[in-house]
Amino acid sequence: MRVLIIGSGGREHAIAWKISQSPLLTKLFCAPGNPGTAQLAVNLNADPNNFQELKKAVTDNSIEMVIVGPEDPLVNGLRDKFESDSDLKDIIFIGPGSCGAKLEGSKDFAKGFMQRWGIPTARYKSFEKNTVEEGDRFLESLRAPYVLKADGLAAGKGVLIIDNLKEAKSEMREMLGGKFGSAGNRVVIEEYLKGIELSVFVLTDGNDYLILPEAKDYKRICDGDKGLNTGGMGAVSPVPFADEAFMKRVEERVIKPTVNGLKRECPDYKGFVFIGLMNCGGSPYVIEYNVRMGDPETEAVMPRIKSDLLAHLLALGSGNLGNEKIEIYDHTSLTLVMVSGGYPQEYAKGYPIEGLENFRGETLFHSGTAVQEGKIVTAGGRVLALTVTESDIIHGRERLYNLAGLINFKDVYFRRDIGLDLI
């Protein structure tokens, strides 16, 4: 099987790492990939959002399966373009069409979907520029803190949690005024849910599904979950409070109605479903959907999958996912994201990364790196995702931070409390 993974971040590197272990793999490609994926696959110069470049990459390299990592190509209808092209329609495509991708592309659509299928979620309303005063009144009906979400894609930064009513009203106007570009043309305001977050991942062929290992993400830039929201500063899997009883409730109340709803509304859905949940006193409530794997959760989840992921994806492509059984390791996986100083705001690029030679046998995933003059340098806000597996979180944390000390680049920053809240 000749496989192409679309994307260039840590998530795609982690998927490539897992796929590369499959005996079913003939050759692996990434587009565009990064210096980390280059150690496992052939990187191709193709833009994930340029259909013609991707088509050339697929046809020139006799690709048989395409796995889409990031959300933008899916929301922009990449699957639909493949299926409508006579040269590409027989490719196994892992990712939903534009209908299913609305679960991530529009938070208003996602909330309506949850309502239609009886999936537990927070009370909400959506507002636009011409209904901003109604938004004020809805905010006044809620208790602080106030949750405001840009309706469209905002690179993981379009969610604001605000304690002050006056500030919430002001932020709503800024969002509708272009703070997050066109993603904020509509703003979803939600009732705040108090609890502990976790992410659940499902692989579905539109009829059946496999539940992948769950994870807990750490979004804010500073220790103690303080500071600005980021794309993710670390992750832990498994999540201790997600025991068998809780996960059974998740399956019955959330996963089954989600898959059934997609079967009715978007029957072309074939791929991953990321379900962001809040554990409210033992009951799961959906915060959001994504239509791909999360980042950095993927970097924590992939090392826990014991069975052959490529075999599962082949079964998905043929509509036989119901015959598959996923095997999961018992060990704990912890991921630490090392970022450029200044992230998630302004930061510099091009700093040489020292210490990479210490990680030939470790799972160190590249998120924002590039090669300049033969050296690997920083090229993004989130630079590296270091993952360790251990018997428990305590031992995992010790090893994680010992290894993190072996890597250095100018203005490197990372949180020092990943997993601490779960001990």
Protein backbone atom coordinates (compact mmCIF):
# COMPACT_ATOMS: atom_id res chain seq x y z
CA MET A 1 0.00 0.00 0.00
CA ARG A 2 1.39 3.37 -1.10
CA VAL A 3 0.18 6.02 1.36
CA LEU A 4 0.25 9.82 1.28
CA ILE A 5 -0.20 11.81 4.51
CA ILE A 6 -1.21 15.43 3.92
CA GLY A 7 0.13 18.00 6.39
CA SER A 8 3.35 19.25 7.95
CA GLY A 9 3.00 19.22 11.74
CA GLY A 10 3.53 17.02 14.76
CA ARG A 11 0.21 15.26 14.20
CA GLU A 12 1.26 14.18 10.71
CA HIS A 13 4.70 13.11 11.93
CA ALA A 14 3.06 10.95 14.62
CA ILE A 15 0.67 9.35 12.10
CA ALA A 16 3.62 8.71 9.76
CA TRP A 17 5.54 7.15 12.65
CA LYS A 18 2.67 4.74 13.34
CA ILE A 19 1.87 3.95 9.70
CA SER A 20 5.55 3.27 8.97
CA GLN A 21 5.41 0.27 11.35
CA SER A 22 2.77 -1.55 9.28
CA PRO A 23 3.81 -4.61 7.24
CA LEU A 24 1.09 -3.58 4.77
CA LEU A 25 2.96 -0.41 3.84
CA THR A 26 4.90 -0.39 0.56
CA LYS A 27 6.00 3.25 0.53
CA LEU A 28 5.09 6.32 2.57
CA PHE A 29 4.86 9.92 1.36
CA CYS A 30 4.07 13.23 3.10
CA ALA A 31 2.94 16.49 1.54
CA PRO A 32 4.65 18.70 2.37
CA GLY A 33 5.91 16.97 5.54
CA ASN A 34 8.76 18.27 7.70
CA PRO A 35 12.34 17.29 8.62
CA GLY A 36 10.94 14.67 11.01
CA THR A 37 8.70 12.95 8.46
CA ALA A 38 11.66 12.97 6.03
CA GLN A 39 13.23 10.28 8.23
CA LEU A 40 10.24 7.99 7.63
CA ALA A 41 8.79 9.00 4.28
CA VAL A 42 9.38 10.84 1.02
CA ASN A 43 8.40 14.49 1.43
CA LEU A 44 6.62 15.93 -1.60
CA ASN A 45 6.43 19.61 -2.47
CA ALA A 46 2.65 20.00 -2.50
CA ASP A 47 0.44 22.52 -0.70
CA PRO A 48 -2.34 20.81 1.36
CA ASN A 49 -4.79 23.44 0.07
CA ASN A 50 -3.76 23.25 -3.61
CA PHE A 51 -5.79 20.52 -5.29
CA GLN A 52 -3.79 20.49 -8.54
CA GLU A 53 -0.49 20.07 -6.68
CA LEU A 54 -1.97 17.25 -4.60
CA LYS A 55 -3.41 15.54 -7.67
CA LYS A 56 0.00 15.61 -9.35
CA ALA A 57 1.64 14.21 -6.20
CA VAL A 58 -0.92 11.38 -6.05
CA THR A 59 -0.81 10.44 -9.74
CA ASP A 60 2.98 10.79 -10.12
CA ASN A 61 3.60 8.49 -7.15
CA SER A 62 0.79 5.94 -7.70
CA ILE A 63 -0.74 6.72 -4.31
CA GLU A 64 -3.43 4.28 -3.16
CA MET A 65 -4.48 5.92 0.14
CA VAL A 66 -4.61 9.57 1.26
CA ILE A 67 -4.77 10.51 4.96
CA VAL A 68 -5.58 14.16 5.66
CA GLY A 69 -4.03 15.56 8.83
CA PRO A 70 -5.15 19.23 9.11
CA GLU A 71 -8.68 20.62 9.03
CA ASP A 72 -8.45 23.28 6.31
CA PRO A 73 -8.33 20.94 3.28
CA LEU A 74 -11.29 18.96 4.62
CA VAL A 75 -13.42 22.03 5.34
CA ASN A 76 -12.52 23.30 1.86
CA GLY A 77 -13.93 20.14 0.29
CA LEU A 78 -10.83 18.14 -0.67
CA ARG A 79 -12.64 14.80 -0.45
CA ASP A 80 -15.38 16.05 -2.77
CA LYS A 81 -12.74 17.11 -5.32
CA PHE A 82 -11.11 13.67 -5.20
CA GLU A 83 -14.43 11.87 -5.63
CA SER A 84 -15.50 14.05 -8.56
CA ASP A 85 -12.19 13.54 -10.40
CA SER A 86 -12.10 10.42 -12.60
CA ASP A 87 -8.36 10.00 -11.99
CA LEU A 88 -8.70 10.06 -8.21
CA LYS A 89 -12.13 8.69 -7.35
CA ASP A 90 -10.82 5.20 -6.52
CA ILE A 91 -8.21 6.43 -4.02
CA ILE A 92 -8.94 5.44 -0.40
CA PHE A 93 -9.49 8.85 1.19
CA ILE A 94 -9.37 9.18 4.99
CA GLY A 95 -11.35 12.28 5.90
CA PRO A 96 -14.94 13.52 5.48
CA GLY A 97 -16.46 15.48 2.64
CA SER A 98 -17.57 19.08 2.99
CA CYS A 99 -20.87 18.09 4.64
CA GLY A 100 -19.26 16.17 7.50
CA ALA A 101 -16.44 18.71 7.76
CA LYS A 102 -18.99 21.34 8.81
CA LEU A 103 -18.85 19.72 12.25
CA GLU A 104 -15.54 21.54 12.63
CA GLY A 105 -15.92 24.28 10.05
CA SER A 106 -18.99 25.77 11.72
CA LYS A 107 -19.54 25.71 15.47
CA ASP A 108 -23.11 26.85 14.87
CA PHE A 109 -23.72 23.80 12.64
CA ALA A 110 -22.07 21.52 15.22
CA LYS A 111 -24.26 22.82 18.05
CA GLY A 112 -27.37 22.39 15.92
CA PHE A 113 -26.27 18.84 15.06
CA MET A 114 -25.93 18.03 18.77
CA GLN A 115 -29.40 19.38 19.44
CA ARG A 116 -30.95 17.42 16.57
CA TRP A 117 -29.45 14.13 17.76
CA GLY A 118 -29.90 14.56 21.49
CA ILE A 119 -26.19 14.81 22.27
CA PRO A 120 -25.54 16.51 25.63
CA THR A 121 -23.95 19.94 25.28
CA ALA A 122 -24.07 23.41 26.82
CA ARG A 123 -26.97 25.82 26.20
CA TYR A 124 -26.06 28.24 23.39
CA LYS A 125 -27.14 30.87 20.85
CA SER A 126 -25.43 32.28 17.76
CA PHE A 127 -25.17 35.96 16.81
CA GLU A 128 -24.08 38.13 13.90
CA LYS A 129 -23.41 41.86 13.52
CA ASN A 130 -27.10 42.68 13.09
CA THR A 131 -28.07 40.76 16.25
CA VAL A 132 -25.32 41.98 18.59
CA GLU A 133 -27.80 43.53 21.04
CA GLU A 134 -29.58 40.17 21.32
CA GLY A 135 -26.15 38.76 22.11
CA ASP A 136 -25.85 41.26 24.97
CA ARG A 137 -29.15 40.08 26.42
CA PHE A 138 -28.16 36.42 26.12
CA LEU A 139 -24.90 37.12 27.91
CA GLU A 140 -26.87 38.86 30.66
CA SER A 141 -28.95 35.70 31.11
CA LEU A 142 -25.83 33.61 31.79
CA ARG A 143 -23.56 33.31 34.79
CA ALA A 144 -19.87 34.12 34.51
CA PRO A 145 -17.56 32.94 33.08
CA TYR A 146 -18.80 33.54 29.52
CA VAL A 147 -17.77 31.33 26.58
CA LEU A 148 -17.46 32.98 23.15
CA LYS A 149 -16.51 31.00 20.04
CA ALA A 150 -15.77 32.15 16.51
CA ASP A 151 -18.05 30.10 14.27
CA GLY A 152 -15.38 29.23 11.71
CA LEU A 153 -11.79 27.99 11.77
CA ALA A 154 -9.41 30.12 13.82
CA ALA A 155 -6.34 27.91 14.19
CA GLY A 156 -7.39 26.70 17.64
CA LYS A 157 -7.46 30.23 19.07
CA GLY A 158 -11.07 31.27 18.42
CA VAL A 159 -12.44 30.35 21.85
CA LEU A 160 -12.52 32.94 24.64
CA ILE A 161 -13.52 32.33 28.27
CA ILE A 162 -14.17 35.64 30.01
CA ASP A 163 -15.09 36.36 33.63
CA ASN A 164 -16.39 39.93 33.20
CA LEU A 165 -19.74 40.66 31.53
CA LYS A 166 -18.69 44.05 30.15
CA GLU A 167 -15.52 42.53 28.70
CA ALA A 168 -17.52 39.66 27.18
CA LYS A 169 -19.80 42.13 25.38
CA SER A 170 -16.77 44.04 24.11
CA GLU A 171 -15.03 40.87 22.91
CA MET A 172 -18.18 39.75 21.07
CA ARG A 173 -18.07 43.03 19.12
CA GLU A 174 -14.35 42.63 18.39
CA MET A 175 -14.89 39.10 17.12
CA LEU A 176 -17.76 40.20 14.90
CA GLY A 177 -15.59 43.11 13.77
CA GLY A 178 -12.86 40.87 12.38
CA LYS A 179 -10.61 39.86 15.30
CA PHE A 180 -10.50 36.33 13.88
CA GLY A 181 -11.17 37.31 10.27
CA SER A 182 -14.14 35.75 8.51
CA ALA A 183 -14.18 32.96 11.13
CA GLY A 184 -15.84 35.47 13.46
CA ASN A 185 -18.62 36.61 11.14
CA ARG A 186 -20.86 34.62 13.46
CA VAL A 187 -20.18 34.16 17.17
CA VAL A 188 -21.49 31.27 19.27
CA ILE A 189 -22.08 32.11 22.93
CA GLU A 190 -22.33 29.16 25.31
CA GLU A 191 -23.21 28.49 28.88
CA TYR A 192 -20.02 27.65 30.79
CA LEU A 193 -19.63 24.01 31.79
CA LYS A 194 -17.70 23.30 34.97
CA GLY A 195 -15.72 20.08 34.95
CA ILE A 196 -12.58 18.41 33.59
CA GLU A 197 -11.88 18.25 29.86
CA LEU A 198 -10.76 15.31 27.78
CA SER A 199 -10.66 14.35 24.12
CA VAL A 200 -12.12 11.16 22.68
CA PHE A 201 -11.17 9.94 19.18
CA VAL A 202 -13.27 7.77 16.92
CA LEU A 203 -12.51 6.20 13.54
CA THR A 204 -15.66 5.57 11.49
CA ASP A 205 -16.55 4.29 8.03
CA GLY A 206 -20.00 5.84 8.24
CA ASN A 207 -21.60 2.76 9.78
CA ASP A 208 -19.25 1.23 12.33
CA TYR A 209 -16.57 2.77 14.50
CA LEU A 210 -13.47 2.11 16.56
CA ILE A 211 -12.74 4.07 19.73
CA LEU A 212 -9.09 5.12 19.91
CA PRO A 213 -7.26 5.96 23.17
CA GLU A 214 -8.55 9.11 24.86
CA ALA A 215 -6.29 12.01 25.87
CA LYS A 216 -6.24 15.22 27.91
CA ASP A 217 -4.86 18.32 26.20
CA TYR A 218 -3.32 21.40 27.86
CA LYS A 219 -4.34 24.49 25.89
CA ARG A 220 -3.10 27.52 27.81
CA ILE A 221 0.43 28.82 27.53
CA CYS A 222 1.31 28.97 31.24
CA ASP A 223 1.47 26.47 34.10
CA GLY A 224 -1.74 26.09 36.06
CA ASP A 225 -3.76 26.57 32.85
CA LYS A 226 -3.22 30.32 32.86
CA GLY A 227 -2.51 32.74 30.02
CA LEU A 228 -3.52 32.76 26.37
CA ASN A 229 -5.01 29.81 24.50
CA THR A 230 -2.63 27.98 22.17
CA GLY A 231 -2.85 25.12 19.69
CA GLY A 232 -1.84 22.84 22.57
CA MET A 233 1.09 22.65 25.01
CA GLY A 234 0.98 18.97 25.90
CA ALA A 235 -1.19 15.89 26.35
CA VAL A 236 -1.62 12.77 28.49
CA SER A 237 -3.18 9.40 27.61
CA PRO A 238 -4.93 7.55 29.19
CA VAL A 239 -6.97 9.95 31.30
CA PRO A 240 -7.35 8.49 34.83
CA PHE A 241 -10.93 9.65 35.40
CA ALA A 242 -12.10 8.20 32.07
CA ASP A 243 -12.75 4.78 33.57
CA GLU A 244 -14.80 2.00 31.98
CA ALA A 245 -18.11 3.30 33.37
CA PHE A 246 -17.49 6.86 32.15
CA MET A 247 -16.38 5.71 28.69
CA LYS A 248 -19.49 3.55 28.42
CA ARG A 249 -21.58 6.68 29.02
CA VAL A 250 -19.54 8.48 26.37
CA GLU A 251 -20.19 5.70 23.89
CA GLU A 252 -23.94 5.49 24.55
CA ARG A 253 -24.71 9.20 24.93
CA VAL A 254 -22.22 10.74 22.51
CA ILE A 255 -20.46 8.39 20.09
CA LYS A 256 -23.44 6.31 18.95
CA PRO A 257 -25.77 9.27 18.33
CA THR A 258 -22.93 11.14 16.59
CA VAL A 259 -22.25 8.28 14.17
CA ASN A 260 -25.98 7.72 13.63
CA GLY A 261 -26.51 11.44 13.00
CA LEU A 262 -23.69 11.53 10.47
CA LYS A 263 -25.10 8.45 8.75
CA ARG A 264 -28.37 10.34 8.23
CA GLU A 265 -27.04 13.83 7.48
CA CYS A 266 -23.58 13.27 5.95
CA PRO A 267 -23.35 9.65 4.77
CA ASP A 268 -19.99 10.26 3.08
CA TYR A 269 -18.23 10.56 6.46
CA LYS A 270 -15.18 8.29 6.48
CA GLY A 271 -12.38 9.24 8.83
CA PHE A 272 -11.58 10.48 12.30
CA VAL A 273 -13.97 12.24 14.67
CA PHE A 274 -12.40 14.23 17.50
CA ILE A 275 -14.88 14.79 20.33
CA GLY A 276 -13.93 17.44 22.88
CA LEU A 277 -15.74 16.56 26.10
CA MET A 278 -16.30 17.98 29.55
CA ASN A 279 -16.70 15.54 32.42
CA CYS A 280 -19.33 17.24 34.56
CA GLY A 281 -19.73 15.16 37.71
CA GLY A 282 -19.41 11.91 35.77
CA SER A 283 -21.63 12.95 32.86
CA PRO A 284 -20.07 13.71 29.43
CA TYR A 285 -20.98 16.94 27.63
CA VAL A 286 -19.67 17.78 24.15
CA ILE A 287 -17.71 21.02 23.88
CA GLU A 288 -16.72 20.68 20.22
CA TYR A 289 -16.11 18.37 17.29
CA ASN A 290 -13.05 18.23 15.06
CA VAL A 291 -13.01 16.17 11.87
CA ARG A 292 -9.39 15.03 12.20
CA MET A 293 -7.05 13.96 14.97
CA GLY A 294 -5.97 16.59 17.49
CA ASP A 295 -2.53 18.07 17.91
CA PRO A 296 -0.71 17.40 20.27
CA GLU A 297 -3.09 14.62 21.35
CA THR A 298 -2.12 12.52 18.32
CA GLU A 299 1.48 12.48 19.52
CA ALA A 300 0.28 10.95 22.82
CA VAL A 301 -2.33 8.61 21.31
CA MET A 302 -0.38 6.96 18.49
CA PRO A 303 2.22 5.33 20.80
CA ARG A 304 -0.66 3.67 22.70
CA ILE A 305 -2.16 1.93 19.66
CA LYS A 306 -0.83 -1.63 19.58
CA SER A 307 -2.72 -2.91 16.54
CA ASP A 308 -1.99 -2.02 12.91
CA LEU A 309 -3.49 1.41 12.17
CA LEU A 310 -3.04 0.99 8.42
CA ALA A 311 -5.04 -2.26 8.55
CA HIS A 312 -7.84 -0.38 10.32
CA LEU A 313 -7.76 2.37 7.67
CA LEU A 314 -7.89 -0.19 4.85
CA ALA A 315 -10.95 -1.76 6.47
CA LEU A 316 -12.50 1.69 6.77
CA GLY A 317 -11.92 2.32 3.07
CA SER A 318 -13.70 -0.90 2.13
CA GLY A 319 -16.56 -0.36 4.58
CA ASN A 320 -15.49 -3.28 6.79
CA LEU A 321 -14.48 -1.43 9.93
CA GLY A 322 -17.02 -3.47 11.92
CA ASN A 323 -14.73 -6.50 11.58
CA GLU A 324 -11.76 -4.72 13.15
CA LYS A 325 -10.63 -4.85 16.79
CA ILE A 326 -8.33 -2.17 18.09
CA GLU A 327 -5.61 -3.19 20.56
CA ILE A 328 -4.27 -0.62 23.03
CA TYR A 329 -1.19 -0.67 25.25
CA ASP A 330 -1.73 -0.24 28.99
CA HIS A 331 1.16 2.19 29.39
CA THR A 332 0.85 5.94 29.97
CA SER A 333 1.91 8.35 27.25
CA LEU A 334 2.89 11.98 27.95
CA THR A 335 3.61 14.64 25.34
CA LEU A 336 5.38 17.95 25.96
CA VAL A 337 5.27 20.69 23.33
CA MET A 338 8.36 22.89 23.10
CA VAL A 339 7.53 26.30 21.65
CA SER A 340 9.23 29.47 20.44
CA GLY A 341 9.44 32.31 22.95
CA GLY A 342 6.56 34.74 22.39
CA TYR A 343 4.13 32.09 21.12
CA PRO A 344 1.10 32.23 20.71
CA GLN A 345 1.76 35.86 19.80
CA GLU A 346 4.80 37.12 17.89
CA TYR A 347 7.90 34.92 17.80
CA ALA A 348 11.11 34.63 15.79
CA LYS A 349 12.10 31.76 13.48
CA GLY A 350 15.31 30.26 12.18
CA TYR A 351 17.05 29.35 15.44
CA PRO A 352 19.24 26.20 15.27
CA ILE A 353 17.96 23.32 17.43
CA GLU A 354 20.59 21.61 19.55
CA GLY A 355 20.42 18.11 21.04
CA LEU A 356 18.40 16.31 18.36
CA GLU A 357 21.14 13.70 18.07
CA ASN A 358 20.10 12.46 21.55
CA PHE A 359 16.73 11.24 20.27
CA ARG A 360 17.42 8.58 17.66
CA GLY A 361 15.44 5.99 19.62
CA GLU A 362 12.89 8.31 21.18
CA THR A 363 9.56 9.61 19.93
CA LEU A 364 10.37 13.24 19.17
CA PHE A 365 7.85 14.64 16.70
CA HIS A 366 8.58 17.71 14.59
CA SER A 367 5.85 20.37 14.57
CA GLY A 368 7.47 23.58 13.32
CA THR A 369 10.94 22.87 11.98
CA ALA A 370 12.83 23.43 8.72
CA VAL A 371 16.26 22.77 7.25
CA GLN A 372 18.54 25.75 6.63
CA GLU A 373 22.12 25.30 5.44
CA GLY A 374 22.03 21.66 6.48
CA LYS A 375 20.81 22.39 10.02
CA ILE A 376 17.37 21.84 11.55
CA VAL A 377 15.99 25.18 12.76
CA THR A 378 12.79 26.51 14.31
CA ALA A 379 10.09 27.40 11.78
CA GLY A 380 6.90 27.76 13.80
CA GLY A 381 5.37 28.56 17.16
CA ARG A 382 5.07 24.95 18.25
CA VAL A 383 8.46 23.50 17.35
CA LEU A 384 8.74 19.97 18.79
CA ALA A 385 6.50 17.48 20.59
CA LEU A 386 8.43 15.15 22.89
CA THR A 387 6.56 11.97 23.86
CA VAL A 388 7.48 9.34 26.43
CA THR A 389 5.73 6.14 27.49
CA GLU A 390 5.97 4.84 31.04
CA SER A 391 4.07 2.71 33.55
CA ASP A 392 2.35 5.75 35.11
CA ILE A 393 2.20 9.55 35.02
CA ILE A 394 4.66 10.08 37.89
CA HIS A 395 7.46 8.12 36.21
CA GLY A 396 6.47 9.53 32.84
CA ARG A 397 6.78 13.11 34.05
CA GLU A 398 10.22 12.49 35.51
CA ARG A 399 11.52 11.01 32.27
CA LEU A 400 9.75 13.59 30.11
CA TYR A 401 11.36 16.58 31.78
CA ASN A 402 14.77 14.92 32.02
CA LEU A 403 14.71 14.40 28.25
CA ALA A 404 13.38 17.91 27.59
CA GLY A 405 16.57 19.23 29.17
CA LEU A 406 18.59 17.67 26.35
CA ILE A 407 16.98 19.93 23.71
CA ASN A 408 17.76 23.59 23.32
CA PHE A 409 17.12 26.48 20.97
CA LYS A 410 17.03 30.21 21.56
CA ASP A 411 14.02 31.32 23.66
CA VAL A 412 12.73 27.74 24.04
CA TYR A 413 9.70 27.54 26.34
CA PHE A 414 7.48 24.74 27.63
CA ARG A 415 5.04 24.12 30.45
CA ARG A 416 6.36 22.25 33.47
CA ASP A 417 3.07 20.89 34.80
CA ILE A 418 1.93 18.46 32.06
CA GLY A 419 0.10 15.60 33.81
CA LEU A 420 0.53 17.11 37.27
CA ASP A 421 -3.20 17.75 37.68
CA LEU A 422 -3.96 14.05 37.06
CA ILE A 423 -1.70 12.59 39.75
